């Protein structure tokens, strides 16, 4: 069998050729894939009843949150959610004691 230079299916004939990266498995360009993936993630979050909240924090606080999350083996968002829940419960308790 002759070696066809355009043939990329016959792997054994091209064993010495190194091809970079993973084979292309998705016909969409990377930017379009990212948009589709983000849209699907938002749909999954909505089905779970999750809402998105964004906030900006000082870099020192950001590093502290990262360290605490790593120490507790949770994600930063899980840690922030736990802190917020505890704070809301504390405020709710304080408000109910006043009334």
N, C-alpha and C. Protein backbone atom coordinates (compact mmCIF):
# COMPACT_ATOMS: atom_id res chain seq x y z
N UNK A 1 0.84 -1.18 0.00
CA UNK A 1 0.00 0.00 0.00
C UNK A 1 0.89 1.24 0.00
N UNK A 2 0.60 2.16 -0.88
CA UNK A 2 1.39 3.37 -0.99
C UNK A 2 0.96 4.37 0.08
N UNK A 3 1.93 5.14 0.51
CA UNK A 3 1.63 6.15 1.52
C UNK A 3 1.01 7.37 0.84
N UNK A 4 -0.20 7.68 1.22
CA UNK A 4 -0.89 8.85 0.69
C UNK A 4 -0.68 10.00 1.67
N UNK A 5 -0.07 11.09 1.24
CA UNK A 5 0.28 12.17 2.17
C UNK A 5 -0.94 12.88 2.73
N UNK A 6 -2.07 12.84 2.03
CA UNK A 6 -3.27 13.51 2.53
C UNK A 6 -4.08 12.60 3.45
N UNK A 7 -3.71 11.33 3.54
CA UNK A 7 -4.46 10.36 4.35
C UNK A 7 -4.04 10.47 5.81
N UNK A 8 -4.96 10.86 6.64
CA UNK A 8 -4.66 10.99 8.07
C UNK A 8 -5.37 9.91 8.88
N UNK A 9 -6.08 9.02 8.23
CA UNK A 9 -6.81 7.97 8.93
C UNK A 9 -5.91 6.78 9.20
N UNK A 10 -5.00 6.50 8.29
CA UNK A 10 -4.10 5.36 8.46
C UNK A 10 -2.98 5.78 9.41
N UNK A 11 -3.22 5.62 10.69
CA UNK A 11 -2.31 6.11 11.74
C UNK A 11 -0.93 5.45 11.65
N UNK A 12 -0.89 4.14 11.42
CA UNK A 12 0.39 3.42 11.48
C UNK A 12 1.39 3.93 10.46
N UNK A 13 0.95 4.46 9.34
CA UNK A 13 1.87 5.00 8.36
C UNK A 13 2.47 6.33 8.80
N UNK A 14 1.81 6.99 9.74
CA UNK A 14 2.25 8.30 10.16
C UNK A 14 2.72 8.31 11.61
N UNK A 15 3.19 7.19 12.10
CA UNK A 15 3.60 7.06 13.50
C UNK A 15 4.72 8.03 13.85
N UNK A 16 5.59 8.34 12.91
CA UNK A 16 6.71 9.23 13.22
C UNK A 16 6.30 10.70 13.20
N UNK A 17 5.15 11.00 12.62
CA UNK A 17 4.68 12.38 12.59
C UNK A 17 3.99 12.73 13.90
N UNK A 18 4.41 13.83 14.51
CA UNK A 18 3.77 14.27 15.74
C UNK A 18 2.75 15.33 15.40
N UNK A 19 1.54 15.11 15.88
CA UNK A 19 0.49 16.09 15.66
C UNK A 19 0.12 16.69 17.01
N UNK A 20 0.04 17.99 17.06
CA UNK A 20 -0.14 18.68 18.33
C UNK A 20 -1.59 18.67 18.78
N UNK A 21 -1.77 18.54 20.09
CA UNK A 21 -3.08 18.70 20.70
C UNK A 21 -4.05 17.56 20.45
N UNK A 22 -5.24 17.74 20.97
CA UNK A 22 -6.29 16.76 20.81
C UNK A 22 -6.93 16.90 19.44
N UNK A 23 -7.50 15.83 18.94
CA UNK A 23 -8.19 15.95 17.65
C UNK A 23 -9.43 16.83 17.80
N UNK A 24 -9.79 17.49 16.76
CA UNK A 24 -10.95 18.37 16.79
C UNK A 24 -12.21 17.51 16.82
N UNK A 25 -13.01 17.66 17.87
CA UNK A 25 -14.21 16.84 18.02
C UNK A 25 -15.48 17.66 17.90
N UNK A 26 -15.35 18.96 17.86
CA UNK A 26 -16.52 19.82 17.79
C UNK A 26 -16.40 20.73 16.57
N UNK A 27 -17.43 20.80 15.74
CA UNK A 27 -17.32 21.62 14.52
C UNK A 27 -17.33 23.12 14.79
N UNK A 28 -17.76 23.54 15.97
CA UNK A 28 -17.82 24.97 16.29
C UNK A 28 -16.46 25.51 16.69
N UNK A 29 -16.18 26.77 16.40
CA UNK A 29 -14.94 27.38 16.89
C UNK A 29 -14.99 27.52 18.41
N UNK A 30 -13.84 27.69 19.03
CA UNK A 30 -13.74 27.70 20.49
C UNK A 30 -14.64 28.76 21.13
N UNK A 31 -14.70 29.95 20.56
CA UNK A 31 -15.53 31.02 21.13
C UNK A 31 -17.00 30.63 21.14
N UNK A 32 -17.47 29.99 20.07
CA UNK A 32 -18.87 29.55 20.01
C UNK A 32 -19.11 28.43 21.01
N UNK A 33 -18.14 27.54 21.18
CA UNK A 33 -18.26 26.46 22.17
C UNK A 33 -18.41 27.04 23.56
N UNK A 34 -17.62 28.06 23.87
CA UNK A 34 -17.68 28.69 25.19
C UNK A 34 -19.05 29.31 25.44
N UNK A 35 -19.61 29.96 24.42
CA UNK A 35 -20.94 30.56 24.57
C UNK A 35 -22.00 29.50 24.82
N UNK A 36 -21.94 28.40 24.07
CA UNK A 36 -22.90 27.31 24.24
C UNK A 36 -22.77 26.71 25.63
N UNK A 37 -21.53 26.46 26.06
CA UNK A 37 -21.31 25.88 27.38
C UNK A 37 -21.81 26.79 28.49
N UNK A 38 -21.58 28.11 28.36
CA UNK A 38 -22.03 29.06 29.36
C UNK A 38 -23.56 29.10 29.41
N UNK A 39 -24.19 29.09 28.24
CA UNK A 39 -25.65 29.09 28.17
C UNK A 39 -26.22 27.84 28.86
N UNK A 40 -25.60 26.70 28.61
CA UNK A 40 -26.05 25.45 29.24
C UNK A 40 -25.85 25.49 30.75
N UNK A 41 -24.73 26.07 31.20
CA UNK A 41 -24.46 26.18 32.64
C UNK A 41 -25.52 27.06 33.30
N UNK A 42 -25.89 28.16 32.66
CA UNK A 42 -26.91 29.05 33.21
C UNK A 42 -28.25 28.33 33.30
N UNK A 43 -28.58 27.54 32.28
CA UNK A 43 -29.83 26.76 32.31
C UNK A 43 -29.84 25.78 33.47
N UNK A 44 -28.70 25.06 33.67
CA UNK A 44 -28.61 24.10 34.78
C UNK A 44 -28.76 24.81 36.12
N UNK A 45 -28.13 25.98 36.26
CA UNK A 45 -28.22 26.74 37.51
C UNK A 45 -29.66 27.18 37.77
N UNK A 46 -30.34 27.62 36.73
CA UNK A 46 -31.74 28.04 36.89
C UNK A 46 -32.62 26.88 37.32
N UNK A 47 -32.38 25.70 36.74
CA UNK A 47 -33.16 24.52 37.11
C UNK A 47 -32.94 24.14 38.57
N UNK A 48 -31.74 24.42 39.07
CA UNK A 48 -31.43 24.13 40.48
C UNK A 48 -31.93 25.23 41.40
N UNK A 49 -32.47 26.31 40.83
CA UNK A 49 -32.97 27.42 41.64
C UNK A 49 -31.89 28.37 42.08
N UNK A 50 -30.75 28.37 41.41
CA UNK A 50 -29.65 29.25 41.79
C UNK A 50 -29.74 30.57 41.07
N UNK A 51 -29.33 31.62 41.75
CA UNK A 51 -29.29 32.97 41.18
C UNK A 51 -27.85 33.45 41.21
N UNK A 52 -27.47 34.26 40.24
CA UNK A 52 -26.11 34.76 40.15
C UNK A 52 -25.98 36.08 40.91
N UNK A 53 -24.92 36.20 41.70
CA UNK A 53 -24.62 37.43 42.43
C UNK A 53 -23.14 37.74 42.19
N UNK A 54 -22.87 38.96 41.78
CA UNK A 54 -21.47 39.37 41.57
C UNK A 54 -21.12 40.45 42.58
N UNK A 55 -19.89 40.39 43.07
CA UNK A 55 -19.42 41.44 43.96
C UNK A 55 -17.93 41.63 43.75
N UNK A 56 -17.47 42.82 44.03
CA UNK A 56 -16.05 43.13 43.93
C UNK A 56 -15.50 43.28 45.33
N UNK A 57 -14.36 42.63 45.58
CA UNK A 57 -13.74 42.69 46.90
C UNK A 57 -12.28 43.08 46.75
N UNK A 58 -11.71 43.55 47.84
CA UNK A 58 -10.30 43.91 47.90
C UNK A 58 -9.45 42.66 47.66
N UNK A 59 -8.27 42.82 47.09
CA UNK A 59 -7.41 41.68 46.78
C UNK A 59 -6.99 40.92 48.04
N UNK A 60 -6.83 41.62 49.16
CA UNK A 60 -6.47 40.94 50.41
C UNK A 60 -7.60 40.02 50.87
N UNK A 61 -8.83 40.51 50.80
CA UNK A 61 -9.98 39.69 51.16
C UNK A 61 -10.12 38.51 50.21
N UNK A 62 -9.86 38.74 48.94
CA UNK A 62 -9.92 37.68 47.94
C UNK A 62 -8.93 36.56 48.27
N UNK A 63 -7.70 36.93 48.61
CA UNK A 63 -6.69 35.93 48.98
C UNK A 63 -7.08 35.19 50.25
N UNK A 64 -7.62 35.92 51.23
CA UNK A 64 -8.07 35.30 52.48
C UNK A 64 -9.17 34.28 52.20
N UNK A 65 -10.13 34.65 51.34
CA UNK A 65 -11.21 33.73 50.98
C UNK A 65 -10.66 32.49 50.28
N UNK A 66 -9.70 32.68 49.39
CA UNK A 66 -9.07 31.53 48.71
C UNK A 66 -8.40 30.59 49.71
N UNK A 67 -7.67 31.17 50.66
CA UNK A 67 -6.96 30.36 51.66
C UNK A 67 -7.95 29.60 52.55
N UNK A 68 -9.00 30.28 52.99
CA UNK A 68 -10.01 29.63 53.84
C UNK A 68 -10.72 28.51 53.08
N UNK A 69 -11.05 28.77 51.83
CA UNK A 69 -11.73 27.75 51.02
C UNK A 69 -10.83 26.53 50.82
N UNK A 70 -9.57 26.77 50.57
CA UNK A 70 -8.62 25.67 50.38
C UNK A 70 -8.46 24.87 51.68
N UNK A 71 -8.39 25.59 52.82
CA UNK A 71 -8.24 24.92 54.11
C UNK A 71 -9.45 24.06 54.45
N UNK A 72 -10.63 24.49 54.01
CA UNK A 72 -11.86 23.75 54.31
C UNK A 72 -12.24 22.77 53.18
N UNK A 73 -11.41 22.72 52.13
CA UNK A 73 -11.64 21.84 50.97
C UNK A 73 -13.00 22.08 50.32
N UNK A 74 -13.33 23.35 50.15
CA UNK A 74 -14.56 23.73 49.44
C UNK A 74 -14.18 24.79 48.40
N UNK A 75 -15.09 25.06 47.49
CA UNK A 75 -14.83 26.11 46.52
C UNK A 75 -15.04 27.47 47.18
N UNK A 76 -14.48 28.50 46.56
CA UNK A 76 -14.63 29.85 47.10
C UNK A 76 -16.09 30.26 47.13
N UNK A 77 -16.84 29.89 46.09
CA UNK A 77 -18.26 30.28 46.06
C UNK A 77 -19.05 29.57 47.17
N UNK A 78 -18.70 28.31 47.45
CA UNK A 78 -19.37 27.60 48.55
C UNK A 78 -19.06 28.26 49.89
N UNK A 79 -17.81 28.68 50.07
CA UNK A 79 -17.41 29.35 51.30
C UNK A 79 -18.16 30.68 51.46
N UNK A 80 -18.22 31.46 50.39
CA UNK A 80 -18.92 32.74 50.45
C UNK A 80 -20.40 32.53 50.74
N UNK A 81 -21.00 31.50 50.14
CA UNK A 81 -22.41 31.20 50.41
C UNK A 81 -22.62 30.84 51.88
N UNK A 82 -21.72 30.05 52.44
CA UNK A 82 -21.81 29.67 53.85
C UNK A 82 -21.70 30.90 54.75
N UNK A 83 -20.76 31.78 54.45
CA UNK A 83 -20.57 33.00 55.24
C UNK A 83 -21.80 33.89 55.14
N UNK A 84 -22.35 34.03 53.94
CA UNK A 84 -23.55 34.86 53.77
C UNK A 84 -24.74 34.28 54.53
N UNK A 85 -24.93 32.97 54.46
CA UNK A 85 -26.04 32.34 55.19
C UNK A 85 -25.91 32.57 56.68
N UNK A 86 -24.68 32.40 57.21
CA UNK A 86 -24.45 32.61 58.63
C UNK A 86 -24.73 34.06 59.02
N UNK A 87 -24.30 34.99 58.17
CA UNK A 87 -24.54 36.40 58.45
C UNK A 87 -26.02 36.75 58.41
N UNK A 88 -26.75 36.20 57.45
CA UNK A 88 -28.18 36.47 57.35
C UNK A 88 -28.92 35.88 58.55
N UNK A 89 -28.54 34.67 58.95
CA UNK A 89 -29.16 34.05 60.13
C UNK A 89 -28.91 34.88 61.38
N UNK A 90 -27.68 35.39 61.53
CA UNK A 90 -27.33 36.22 62.68
C UNK A 90 -28.14 37.51 62.68
N UNK A 91 -28.27 38.14 61.50
CA UNK A 91 -29.07 39.36 61.41
C UNK A 91 -30.55 39.08 61.68
N UNK A 92 -31.02 37.96 61.17
CA UNK A 92 -32.43 37.59 61.38
C UNK A 92 -32.70 37.33 62.86
N UNK A 93 -31.77 36.66 63.53
CA UNK A 93 -31.90 36.40 64.96
C UNK A 93 -31.87 37.71 65.75
N UNK A 94 -30.97 38.59 65.40
CA UNK A 94 -30.87 39.88 66.09
C UNK A 94 -32.14 40.71 65.88
N UNK A 95 -32.69 40.68 64.69
CA UNK A 95 -33.92 41.43 64.41
C UNK A 95 -35.11 40.84 65.17
N UNK A 96 -35.20 39.52 65.25
CA UNK A 96 -36.32 38.91 65.96
C UNK A 96 -36.22 39.14 67.46
N UNK A 97 -35.01 39.28 67.99
CA UNK A 97 -34.84 39.54 69.43
C UNK A 97 -35.26 40.98 69.78
N UNK A 98 -35.07 41.89 68.83
CA UNK A 98 -35.46 43.29 69.05
C UNK A 98 -36.97 43.44 69.11
N UNK A 99 -37.66 42.64 68.33
CA UNK A 99 -39.13 42.77 68.24
C UNK A 99 -39.79 42.00 69.29
